Amino acid sequence: MIGRVGIAYANSGDTRAVVPAFEDAVRQTGREAWSATVWDDGLDGRMTGTDLLICIGGDGTVLRGARTAAVHDAPILGVNMGRLGFLAELSPREALANLPAILDGTLGRIEERAMLRAELLSPVIGTPPTPGEGPYHAVNDIILGRAGIGRPTYIQATVNGARLASYRADAVVISTPTGSTAYNMSAGGPILAPDLKAFAVTPVAPHLSLGRAIVLPGDASLELRVATDHRAVLNVDGQGELGLVSGGGVRVTVSEHAARLVRIAGPNEFYEHLSTRLNSLTARTLQLLLEDSSH
């Protein structure tokens, strides 16, 4: 039963303007509501006892909210402020109209998305991507890549202790099904169905090394170690950077936590949405090419 609802929002004028309407809508159902920006340092503490987190913004807002909510096993409802996204499903108008039914449990379903867990392997330098010593949890992806321009990084990869590859590349992207439509897709990696418990490993601009992506099962343990004198950088869901030196690395497995998304549309909506997004990107690319050729 949902009794306490949090509202996490992107810190922009348009988004802040709709927050009071969501607070009022929740309180009109007799439930407790609180709100904070998704970047609020106290967000994790406020999640204690929260049964649902409404994330208002775009996919980036939902990603940050999902990492926080997952630790508390709370579902999230993504509200899209205009851009086409995979995670923020509803417009503010649609969300407000359907909120009473969602809170009562008569509308919507919970879609669980696999997350990744990253454990650091010494030696490391720099500032961790999140406070503390880890482990770190990712909704989208974990990226290990070069720290500077001009030189690729060398990365040794093993799966369950067995040698997989020696990458000489700009980076290696480890992606969840959710993140497979982001950087992973741009790097030529596979798109994974959202309900899979698996992850993709995709090299970015590989040089004379394994250039193909591989999909690993949910029980696999992947280790990536830096094998170069040049500093490498680890990035978790695009939040902060952690410097790694030769011998350092990361162990990646499927997380014990999952992102739990409240969905109104049916389970096949992902494929229709994917087609729409890819077609819009293709159309935009063609438009830019035509504009460029006309100059």
C-alpha atoms as a PDB file:
ATOM      1  CA  MET A   1       0.000   0.000   0.000  1.00  0.00           C
ATOM      2  CA  ILE A   2       1.304   3.440  -0.939  1.00  0.00           C
ATOM      3  CA  GLY A   3       1.223   5.893   1.963  1.00  0.00           C
ATOM      4  CA  ARG A   4       4.235   8.175   1.427  1.00  0.00           C
ATOM      5  CA  VAL A   5       5.208   9.634  -1.947  1.00  0.00           C
ATOM      6  CA  GLY A   6       8.401  11.454  -2.866  1.00  0.00           C
ATOM      7  CA  ILE A   7       8.735  13.843  -5.802  1.00  0.00           C
ATOM      8  CA  ALA A   8      12.248  14.248  -7.238  1.00  0.00           C
ATOM      9  CA  TYR A   9      12.606  16.773 -10.012  1.00  0.00           C
ATOM     10  CA  ALA A  10      15.148  18.303 -12.373  1.00  0.00           C
ATOM     11  CA  ASN A  11      16.252  21.747 -11.250  1.00  0.00           C
ATOM     12  CA  SER A  12      14.766  23.784 -14.102  1.00  0.00           C
ATOM     13  CA  GLY A  13      12.068  26.449 -14.137  1.00  0.00           C
ATOM     14  CA  ASP A  14       9.515  24.499 -16.173  1.00  0.00           C
ATOM     15  CA  THR A  15       9.927  21.431 -14.000  1.00  0.00           C
ATOM     16  CA  ARG A  16       9.760  23.287 -10.678  1.00  0.00           C
ATOM     17  CA  ALA A  17       6.524  24.914 -11.840  1.00  0.00           C
ATOM     18  CA  VAL A  18       4.630  21.596 -11.990  1.00  0.00           C
ATOM     19  CA  VAL A  19       5.854  20.194  -8.655  1.00  0.00           C
ATOM     20  CA  PRO A  20       3.127  21.871  -6.504  1.00  0.00           C
ATOM     21  CA  ALA A  21       0.424  20.281  -8.671  1.00  0.00           C
ATOM     22  CA  PHE A  22       1.859  16.825  -7.953  1.00  0.00           C
ATOM     23  CA  GLU A  23       2.159  17.559  -4.231  1.00  0.00           C
ATOM     24  CA  ASP A  24      -1.484  18.674  -4.143  1.00  0.00           C
ATOM     25  CA  ALA A  25      -2.640  15.650  -6.155  1.00  0.00           C
ATOM     26  CA  VAL A  26      -0.935  13.257  -3.741  1.00  0.00           C
ATOM     27  CA  ARG A  27      -2.246  15.010  -0.615  1.00  0.00           C
ATOM     28  CA  GLN A  28      -5.780  15.099  -1.989  1.00  0.00           C
ATOM     29  CA  THR A  29      -5.744  11.298  -1.819  1.00  0.00           C
ATOM     30  CA  GLY A  30      -4.885  11.472   1.893  1.00  0.00           C
ATOM     31  CA  ARG A  31      -1.240  10.514   1.435  1.00  0.00           C
ATOM     32  CA  GLU A  32       1.952  12.190   2.596  1.00  0.00           C
ATOM     33  CA  ALA A  33       4.084  13.975  -0.012  1.00  0.00           C
ATOM     34  CA  TRP A  34       7.570  15.476   0.001  1.00  0.00           C
ATOM     35  CA  SER A  35       9.680  16.989  -2.769  1.00  0.00           C
ATOM     36  CA  ALA A  36      13.343  17.708  -3.519  1.00  0.00           C
ATOM     37  CA  THR A  37      15.565  18.179  -6.536  1.00  0.00           C
ATOM     38  CA  VAL A  38      17.042  14.952  -7.810  1.00  0.00           C
ATOM     39  CA  TRP A  39      20.490  16.408  -6.998  1.00  0.00           C
ATOM     40  CA  ASP A  40      19.640  17.025  -3.325  1.00  0.00           C
ATOM     41  CA  ASP A  41      22.336  15.471  -1.101  1.00  0.00           C
ATOM     42  CA  GLY A  42      19.617  14.508   1.375  1.00  0.00           C
ATOM     43  CA  LEU A  43      17.537  12.569  -1.157  1.00  0.00           C
ATOM     44  CA  ASP A  44      18.629   9.156   0.102  1.00  0.00           C
ATOM     45  CA  GLY A  45      17.710  10.020   3.687  1.00  0.00           C
ATOM     46  CA  ARG A  46      14.272  11.252   2.663  1.00  0.00           C
ATOM     47  CA  MET A  47      13.589   7.974   0.854  1.00  0.00           C
ATOM     48  CA  THR A  48      13.269   6.119   4.168  1.00  0.00           C
ATOM     49  CA  GLY A  49       9.649   4.985   4.436  1.00  0.00           C
ATOM     50  CA  THR A  50       8.806   6.260   0.945  1.00  0.00           C
ATOM     51  CA  ASP A  51       6.598   3.910  -1.077  1.00  0.00           C
ATOM     52  CA  LEU A  52       6.797   5.624  -4.479  1.00  0.00           C
ATOM     53  CA  LEU A  53       9.182   8.146  -6.030  1.00  0.00           C
ATOM     54  CA  ILE A  54       7.827  10.367  -8.814  1.00  0.00           C
ATOM     55  CA  CYS A  55      10.700  11.597 -11.008  1.00  0.00           C
ATOM     56  CA  ILE A  56       9.890  14.700 -13.074  1.00  0.00           C
ATOM     57  CA  GLY A  57      12.263  15.690 -15.867  1.00  0.00           C
ATOM     58  CA  GLY A  58      13.800  13.398 -18.447  1.00  0.00           C
ATOM     59  CA  ASP A  59      15.603  10.086 -18.585  1.00  0.00           C
ATOM     60  CA  GLY A  60      18.593  11.570 -16.724  1.00  0.00           C
ATOM     61  CA  THR A  61      16.353  12.541 -13.820  1.00  0.00           C
ATOM     62  CA  VAL A  62      14.809   9.080 -13.759  1.00  0.00           C
ATOM     63  CA  LEU A  63      18.258   7.458 -13.814  1.00  0.00           C
ATOM     64  CA  ARG A  64      19.456   9.375 -10.773  1.00  0.00           C
ATOM     65  CA  GLY A  65      16.188   8.828  -8.934  1.00  0.00           C
ATOM     66  CA  ALA A  66      16.174   5.134  -9.798  1.00  0.00           C
ATOM     67  CA  ARG A  67      19.610   4.541  -8.275  1.00  0.00           C
ATOM     68  CA  THR A  68      18.444   6.086  -5.012  1.00  0.00           C
ATOM     69  CA  ALA A  69      15.039   4.390  -4.987  1.00  0.00           C
ATOM     70  CA  ALA A  70      16.435   0.938  -5.818  1.00  0.00           C
ATOM     71  CA  VAL A  71      18.338   0.712  -2.535  1.00  0.00           C
ATOM     72  CA  HIS A  72      15.025   1.302  -0.726  1.00  0.00           C
ATOM     73  CA  ASP A  73      13.113  -1.120  -2.990  1.00  0.00           C
ATOM     74  CA  ALA A  74      10.766   1.713  -3.970  1.00  0.00           C
ATOM     75  CA  PRO A  75       9.196   1.933  -7.448  1.00  0.00           C
ATOM     76  CA  ILE A  76       9.521   5.086  -9.535  1.00  0.00           C
ATOM     77  CA  LEU A  77       7.106   6.866 -11.849  1.00  0.00           C
ATOM     78  CA  GLY A  78       8.824   8.818 -14.627  1.00  0.00           C
ATOM     79  CA  VAL A  79       7.229  12.056 -15.823  1.00  0.00           C
ATOM     80  CA  ASN A  80       8.567  13.415 -19.110  1.00  0.00           C
ATOM     81  CA  MET A  81       8.990  17.168 -19.500  1.00  0.00           C
ATOM     82  CA  GLY A  82       9.077  17.201 -23.282  1.00  0.00           C
ATOM     83  CA  ARG A  83      11.875  15.148 -24.802  1.00  0.00           C
ATOM     84  CA  LEU A  84      11.303  11.646 -26.132  1.00  0.00           C
ATOM     85  CA  GLY A  85      12.612   9.228 -23.527  1.00  0.00           C
ATOM     86  CA  PHE A  86      12.582   5.539 -22.698  1.00  0.00           C
ATOM     87  CA  LEU A  87      12.167   5.873 -18.925  1.00  0.00           C
ATOM     88  CA  ALA A  88       9.965   8.942 -18.392  1.00  0.00           C
ATOM     89  CA  GLU A  89       6.784   7.560 -19.926  1.00  0.00           C
ATOM     90  CA  LEU A  90       4.026  10.052 -19.044  1.00  0.00           C
ATOM     91  CA  SER A  91       3.543  13.769 -19.637  1.00  0.00           C
ATOM     92  CA  PRO A  92       2.661  15.880 -16.562  1.00  0.00           C
ATOM     93  CA  ARG A  93      -0.966  16.049 -17.729  1.00  0.00           C
ATOM     94  CA  GLU A  94      -1.176  12.261 -18.179  1.00  0.00           C
ATOM     95  CA  ALA A  95       0.534  11.567 -14.865  1.00  0.00           C
ATOM     96  CA  LEU A  96      -1.730  13.901 -12.883  1.00  0.00           C
ATOM     97  CA  ALA A  97      -4.864  12.465 -14.510  1.00  0.00           C
ATOM     98  CA  ASN A  98      -3.840   8.891 -13.689  1.00  0.00           C
ATOM     99  CA  LEU A  99      -2.162   9.477 -10.324  1.00  0.00           C
ATOM    100  CA  PRO A 100      -5.131   8.526  -8.055  1.00  0.00           C
ATOM    101  CA  ALA A 101      -5.545   5.183  -9.844  1.00  0.00           C
ATOM    102  CA  ILE A 102      -1.794   4.534  -9.761  1.00  0.00           C
ATOM    103  CA  LEU A 103      -1.645   5.245  -6.022  1.00  0.00           C
ATOM    104  CA  ASP A 104      -4.650   2.986  -5.408  1.00  0.00           C
ATOM    105  CA  GLY A 105      -2.999   0.180  -7.381  1.00  0.00           C
ATOM    106  CA  THR A 106      -5.806  -0.088  -9.945  1.00  0.00           C
ATOM    107  CA  LEU A 107      -3.665   1.176 -12.836  1.00  0.00           C
ATOM    108  CA  GLY A 108      -0.155   0.357 -13.950  1.00  0.00           C
ATOM    109  CA  ARG A 109       2.343  -2.443 -13.510  1.00  0.00           C
ATOM    110  CA  ILE A 110       5.846  -2.709 -12.071  1.00  0.00           C
ATOM    111  CA  GLU A 111       8.596  -3.367 -14.600  1.00  0.00           C
ATOM    112  CA  GLU A 112      11.861  -4.502 -13.035  1.00  0.00           C
ATOM    113  CA  ARG A 113      15.077  -3.491 -14.795  1.00  0.00           C
ATOM    114  CA  ALA A 114      18.413  -5.160 -14.039  1.00  0.00           C
ATOM    115  CA  MET A 115      21.147  -2.907 -12.648  1.00  0.00           C
ATOM    116  CA  LEU A 116      24.920  -3.347 -12.500  1.00  0.00           C
ATOM    117  CA  ARG A 117      27.156  -3.548  -9.452  1.00  0.00           C
ATOM    118  CA  ALA A 118      30.742  -2.296  -9.710  1.00  0.00           C
ATOM    119  CA  GLU A 119      33.447  -3.191  -7.183  1.00  0.00           C
ATOM    120  CA  LEU A 120      36.775  -1.400  -7.425  1.00  0.00           C
ATOM    121  CA  LEU A 121      39.996  -3.354  -7.769  1.00  0.00           C
ATOM    122  CA  SER A 122      43.046  -1.453  -6.427  1.00  0.00           C
ATOM    123  CA  PRO A 123      45.034   0.625  -7.188  1.00  0.00           C
ATOM    124  CA  VAL A 124      42.847   3.658  -7.749  1.00  0.00           C
ATOM    125  CA  ILE A 125      43.293   7.421  -7.619  1.00  0.00           C
ATOM    126  CA  GLY A 126      40.986  10.403  -7.712  1.00  0.00           C
ATOM    127  CA  THR A 127      37.482  11.010  -6.432  1.00  0.00           C
ATOM    128  CA  PRO A 128      34.908   8.177  -6.381  1.00  0.00           C
ATOM    129  CA  PRO A 129      31.809   8.670  -8.533  1.00  0.00           C
ATOM    130  CA  THR A 130      29.625   8.501  -5.417  1.00  0.00           C
ATOM    131  CA  PRO A 131      30.468   9.102  -1.734  1.00  0.00           C
ATOM    132  CA  GLY A 132      32.070   6.280   0.219  1.00  0.00           C
ATOM    133  CA  GLU A 133      34.045   3.248  -0.854  1.00  0.00           C
ATOM    134  CA  GLY A 134      31.424   1.535  -3.006  1.00  0.00           C
ATOM    135  CA  PRO A 135      30.197  -0.728  -4.388  1.00  0.00           C
ATOM    136  CA  TYR A 136      28.539   1.438  -7.021  1.00  0.00           C
ATOM    137  CA  HIS A 137      25.253   0.631  -8.736  1.00  0.00           C
ATOM    138  CA  ALA A 138      24.359   1.634 -12.293  1.00  0.00           C
ATOM    139  CA  VAL A 139      21.001   1.754 -14.050  1.00  0.00           C
ATOM    140  CA  ASN A 140      22.504   2.542 -17.469  1.00  0.00           C
ATOM    141  CA  ASP A 141      26.168   1.712 -17.820  1.00  0.00           C
ATOM    142  CA  ILE A 142      29.684   1.550 -16.447  1.00  0.00           C
ATOM    143  CA  ILE A 143      32.446   2.890 -18.685  1.00  0.00           C
ATOM    144  CA  LEU A 144      36.186   2.313 -18.392  1.00  0.00           C
ATOM    145  CA  GLY A 145      38.175   4.393 -20.853  1.00  0.00           C
ATOM    146  CA  ARG A 146      41.135   6.600 -21.588  1.00  0.00           C
ATOM    147  CA  ALA A 147      41.712   9.702 -19.468  1.00  0.00           C
ATOM    148  CA  GLY A 148      43.143  11.897 -22.213  1.00  0.00           C
ATOM    149  CA  ILE A 149      43.025  12.530 -25.934  1.00  0.00           C
ATOM    150  CA  GLY A 150      45.311  10.768 -28.387  1.00  0.00           C
ATOM    151  CA  ARG A 151      46.122   7.430 -26.795  1.00  0.00           C
ATOM    152  CA  PRO A 152      43.898   4.369 -26.476  1.00  0.00           C
ATOM    153  CA  THR A 153      43.791   2.466 -23.229  1.00  0.00           C
ATOM    154  CA  TYR A 154      44.709  -1.199 -22.807  1.00  0.00           C
ATOM    155  CA  ILE A 155      42.189  -3.242 -20.844  1.00  0.00           C
ATOM    156  CA  GLN A 156      42.378  -6.926 -19.920  1.00  0.00           C
ATOM    157  CA  ALA A 157      38.951  -8.570 -19.626  1.00  0.00           C
ATOM    158  CA  THR A 158      38.087 -11.849 -17.915  1.00  0.00           C
ATOM    159  CA  VAL A 159      34.729 -13.570 -17.393  1.00  0.00           C
ATOM    160  CA  ASN A 160      34.376 -15.872 -14.383  1.00  0.00           C
ATOM    161  CA  GLY A 161      38.178 -15.995 -14.252  1.00  0.00           C
ATOM    162  CA  ALA A 162      38.585 -17.001 -17.901  1.00  0.00           C
ATOM    163  CA  ARG A 163      40.351 -14.678 -20.342  1.00  0.00           C
ATOM    164  CA  LEU A 164      37.911 -12.904 -22.665  1.00  0.00           C
ATOM    165  CA  ALA A 165      39.915 -10.251 -24.508  1.00  0.00           C
ATOM    166  CA  SER A 166      42.707  -7.710 -24.461  1.00  0.00           C
ATOM    167  CA  TYR A 167      41.077  -4.482 -25.571  1.00  0.00           C
ATOM    168  CA  ARG A 168      43.048  -1.637 -27.120  1.00  0.00           C
ATOM    169  CA  ALA A 169      40.297   0.931 -27.415  1.00  0.00           C
ATOM    170  CA  ASP A 170      39.071   4.357 -26.414  1.00  0.00           C
ATOM    171  CA  ALA A 171      36.787   2.737 -23.827  1.00  0.00           C
ATOM    172  CA  VAL A 172      34.792  -0.341 -22.899  1.00  0.00           C
ATOM    173  CA  VAL A 173      31.090   0.143 -22.137  1.00  0.00           C
ATOM    174  CA  ILE A 174      29.322  -2.327 -19.838  1.00  0.00           C
ATOM    175  CA  SER A 175      25.615  -1.774 -20.339  1.00  0.00           C
ATOM    176  CA  THR A 176      22.366  -2.909 -18.756  1.00  0.00           C
ATOM    177  CA  PRO A 177      19.336  -3.600 -20.970  1.00  0.00           C
ATOM    178  CA  THR A 178      18.124  -0.123 -19.997  1.00  0.00           C
ATOM    179  CA  GLY A 179      21.423   1.477 -21.008  1.00  0.00           C
ATOM    180  CA  SER A 180      21.764  -0.547 -24.194  1.00  0.00           C
ATOM    181  CA  THR A 181      19.919   2.184 -26.132  1.00  0.00           C
ATOM    182  CA  ALA A 182      22.358   4.877 -24.930  1.00  0.00           C
ATOM    183  CA  TYR A 183      26.161   5.027 -25.371  1.00  0.00           C
ATOM    184  CA  ASN A 184      26.265   1.281 -26.020  1.00  0.00           C
ATOM    185  CA  MET A 185      24.035   1.644 -29.088  1.00  0.00           C
ATOM    186  CA  SER A 186      26.053   4.618 -30.355  1.00  0.00           C
ATOM    187  CA  ALA A 187      29.198   2.466 -30.118  1.00  0.00           C
ATOM    188  CA  GLY A 188      27.590  -0.255 -32.240  1.00  0.00           C
ATOM    189  CA  GLY A 189      26.551  -2.485 -29.351  1.00  0.00           C
ATOM    190  CA  PRO A 190      23.392  -4.621 -29.262  1.00  0.00           C
ATOM    191  CA  ILE A 191      20.009  -3.434 -28.036  1.00  0.00           C
ATOM    192  CA  LEU A 192      18.792  -5.683 -25.210  1.00  0.00           C
ATOM    193  CA  ALA A 193      15.141  -6.296 -24.379  1.00  0.00           C
ATOM    194  CA  PRO A 194      14.333  -4.440 -21.129  1.00  0.00           C
ATOM    195  CA  ASP A 195      13.281  -7.521 -19.161  1.00  0.00           C
ATOM    196  CA  LEU A 196      16.531  -9.437 -19.735  1.00  0.00           C
ATOM    197  CA  LYS A 197      18.818 -10.131 -16.798  1.00  0.00           C
ATOM    198  CA  ALA A 198      22.020  -9.729 -18.778  1.00  0.00           C
ATOM    199  CA  PHE A 199      24.563  -7.098 -19.771  1.00  0.00           C
ATOM    200  CA  ALA A 200      26.510  -6.109 -22.874  1.00  0.00           C
ATOM    201  CA  VAL A 201      30.252  -5.467 -23.126  1.00  0.00           C
ATOM    202  CA  THR A 202      31.093  -3.166 -26.044  1.00  0.00           C
ATOM    203  CA  PRO A 203      34.504  -1.726 -27.025  1.00  0.00           C
ATOM    204  CA  VAL A 204      34.531   1.863 -28.290  1.00  0.00           C
ATOM    205  CA  ALA A 205      36.771   2.522 -31.322  1.00  0.00           C
ATOM    206  CA  PRO A 206      38.828  -0.672 -30.872  1.00  0.00           C
ATOM    207  CA  HIS A 207      42.335  -0.698 -32.372  1.00  0.00           C
ATOM    208  CA  LEU A 208      43.648  -4.055 -33.623  1.00  0.00           C
ATOM    209  CA  SER A 209      41.754  -5.943 -30.928  1.00  0.00           C
ATOM    210  CA  LEU A 210      38.410  -7.668 -30.432  1.00  0.00           C
ATOM    211  CA  GLY A 211      35.939  -5.264 -31.995  1.00  0.00           C
ATOM    212  CA  ARG A 212      32.713  -7.130 -31.361  1.00  0.00           C
ATOM    213  CA  ALA A 213      30.359  -6.700 -28.444  1.00  0.00           C
ATOM    214  CA  ILE A 214      29.399  -9.660 -26.292  1.00  0.00           C
ATOM    215  CA  VAL A 215      26.288 -10.238 -24.172  1.00  0.00           C
ATOM    216  CA  LEU A 216      26.900 -11.915 -20.819  1.00  0.00           C
ATOM    217  CA  PRO A 217      24.319 -13.733 -18.666  1.00  0.00           C
ATOM    218  CA  GLY A 218      23.083 -12.395 -15.366  1.00  0.00           C
ATOM    219  CA  ASP A 219      25.268 -14.715 -13.280  1.00  0.00           C
ATOM    220  CA  ALA A 220      28.532 -13.723 -15.004  1.00  0.00           C
ATOM    221  CA  SER A 221      31.358 -11.894 -13.243  1.00  0.00           C
ATOM    222  CA  LEU A 222      33.324  -9.556 -15.508  1.00  0.00           C
ATOM    223  CA  GLU A 223      36.686  -8.096 -14.501  1.00  0.00           C
ATOM    224  CA  LEU A 224      38.343  -5.262 -16.404  1.00  0.00           C
ATOM    225  CA  ARG A 225      41.910  -4.283 -15.504  1.00  0.00           C
ATOM    226  CA  VAL A 226      43.985  -1.415 -16.832  1.00  0.00           C
ATOM    227  CA  ALA A 227      47.122  -2.725 -18.562  1.00  0.00           C
ATOM    228  CA  THR A 228      48.882   0.501 -19.534  1.00  0.00           C
ATOM    229  CA  ASP A 229      51.061   3.143 -17.946  1.00  0.00           C
ATOM    230  CA  HIS A 230      48.539   5.786 -18.972  1.00  0.00           C
ATOM    231  CA  ARG A 231      45.791   6.731 -16.550  1.00  0.00           C
ATOM    232  CA  ALA A 232      42.293   5.415 -17.252  1.00  0.00           C
ATOM    233  CA  VAL A 233      38.949   6.707 -16.005  1.00  0.00           C
ATOM    234  CA  LEU A 234      35.934   4.846 -14.609  1.00  0.00           C
ATOM    235  CA  ASN A 235      32.482   6.394 -14.964  1.00  0.00           C
ATOM    236  CA  VAL A 236      29.250   5.081 -13.412  1.00  0.00           C
ATOM    237  CA  ASP A 237      26.012   6.270 -15.054  1.00  0.00           C
ATOM    238  CA  GLY A 238      27.764   9.440 -16.167  1.00  0.00           C
ATOM    239  CA  GLN A 239      28.199  10.596 -12.551  1.00  0.00           C
ATOM    240  CA  GLY A 240      31.736  11.637 -11.647  1.00  0.00           C
ATOM    241  CA  GLU A 241      35.029  10.033 -12.587  1.00  0.00           C
ATOM    242  CA  LEU A 242      37.465   7.749 -10.811  1.00  0.00           C
ATOM    243  CA  GLY A 243      41.066   7.502 -11.991  1.00  0.00           C
ATOM    244  CA  LEU A 244      42.631   4.068 -12.369  1.00  0.00           C
ATOM    245  CA  VAL A 245      46.288   3.222 -12.959  1.00  0.00           C
ATOM    246  CA  SER A 246      47.972   0.076 -14.258  1.00  0.00           C
ATOM    247  CA  GLY A 247      46.739  -2.995 -12.395  1.00  0.00           C
ATOM    248  CA  GLY A 248      43.593  -1.256 -11.193  1.00  0.00           C
ATOM    249  CA  GLY A 249      40.172  -2.093 -12.463  1.00  0.00           C
ATOM    250  CA  VAL A 250      36.600  -3.007 -11.739  1.00  0.00           C
ATOM    251  CA  ARG A 251      34.558  -6.143 -11.160  1.00  0.00           C
ATOM    252  CA  VAL A 252      31.075  -5.936 -12.683  1.00  0.00           C
ATOM    253  CA  THR A 253      28.102  -8.177 -11.914  1.00  0.00           C
ATOM    254  CA  VAL A 254      24.342  -7.821 -12.033  1.00  0.00           C
ATOM    255  CA  SER A 255      23.317  -5.861  -8.934  1.00  0.00           C
ATOM    256  CA  GLU A 256      21.262  -7.255  -6.094  1.00  0.00           C
ATOM    257  CA  HIS A 257      19.098  -4.149  -6.566  1.00  0.00           C
ATOM    258  CA  ALA A 258      16.716  -3.530  -9.465  1.00  0.00           C
ATOM    259  CA  ALA A 259      15.150  -0.386 -10.873  1.00  0.00           C
ATOM    260  CA  ARG A 260      11.382  -0.768 -10.468  1.00  0.00           C
ATOM    261  CA  LEU A 261       9.471   1.355 -12.979  1.00  0.00           C
ATOM    262  CA  VAL A 262       5.736   2.029 -12.836  1.00  0.00           C
ATOM    263  CA  ARG A 263       4.449   1.497 -16.373  1.00  0.00           C
ATOM    264  CA  ILE A 264       1.028   2.284 -17.818  1.00  0.00           C
ATOM    265  CA  ALA A 265       1.605   0.921 -21.310  1.00  0.00           C
ATOM    266  CA  GLY A 266       1.877  -2.798 -22.034  1.00  0.00           C
ATOM    267  CA  PRO A 267       5.173  -4.713 -22.102  1.00  0.00           C
ATOM    268  CA  ASN A 268       5.444  -4.473 -25.902  1.00  0.00           C
ATOM    269  CA  GLU A 269       5.389  -0.653 -25.821  1.00  0.00           C
ATOM    270  CA  PHE A 270       9.195  -0.673 -25.637  1.00  0.00           C
ATOM    271  CA  TYR A 271       9.493  -1.976 -29.194  1.00  0.00           C
ATOM    272  CA  GLU A 272       7.100   0.615 -30.609  1.00  0.00           C
ATOM    273  CA  HIS A 273       8.911   3.352 -28.701  1.00  0.00           C
ATOM    274  CA  LEU A 274      12.261   2.066 -29.944  1.00  0.00           C
ATOM    275  CA  SER A 275      11.060   2.181 -33.540  1.00  0.00           C
ATOM    276  CA  THR A 276       9.747   5.731 -33.092  1.00  0.00           C
ATOM    277  CA  ARG A 277      12.990   6.937 -31.531  1.00  0.00           C
ATOM    278  CA  LEU A 278      15.238   5.315 -34.119  1.00  0.00           C
ATOM    279  CA  ASN A 279      13.124   6.658 -36.968  1.00  0.00           C
ATOM    280  CA  SER A 280      13.223  10.174 -35.497  1.00  0.00           C
ATOM    281  CA  LEU A 281      17.008   9.978 -35.119  1.00  0.00           C
ATOM    282  CA  THR A 282      17.361   8.771 -38.712  1.00  0.00           C
ATOM    283  CA  ALA A 283      15.143  11.574 -39.989  1.00  0.00           C
ATOM    284  CA  ARG A 284      17.146  14.165 -38.021  1.00  0.00           C
ATOM    285  CA  THR A 285      20.441  12.782 -39.360  1.00  0.00           C
ATOM    286  CA  LEU A 286      19.181  12.984 -42.943  1.00  0.00           C
ATOM    287  CA  GLN A 287      17.996  16.551 -42.352  1.00  0.00           C
ATOM    288  CA  LEU A 288      21.429  17.589 -41.060  1.00  0.00           C
ATOM    289  CA  LEU A 289      23.151  15.936 -44.021  1.00  0.00           C
ATOM    290  CA  LEU A 290      20.873  17.727 -46.464  1.00  0.00           C
ATOM    291  CA  GLU A 291      21.443  21.057 -44.716  1.00  0.00           C
ATOM    292  CA  ASP A 292      25.199  20.498 -44.785  1.00  0.00           C
ATOM    293  CA  SER A 293      25.227  19.581 -48.495  1.00  0.00           C
ATOM    294  CA  SER A 294      23.314  22.750 -49.378  1.00  0.00           C
ATOM    295  CA  HIS A 295      26.097  25.027 -48.064  1.00  0.00           C
END
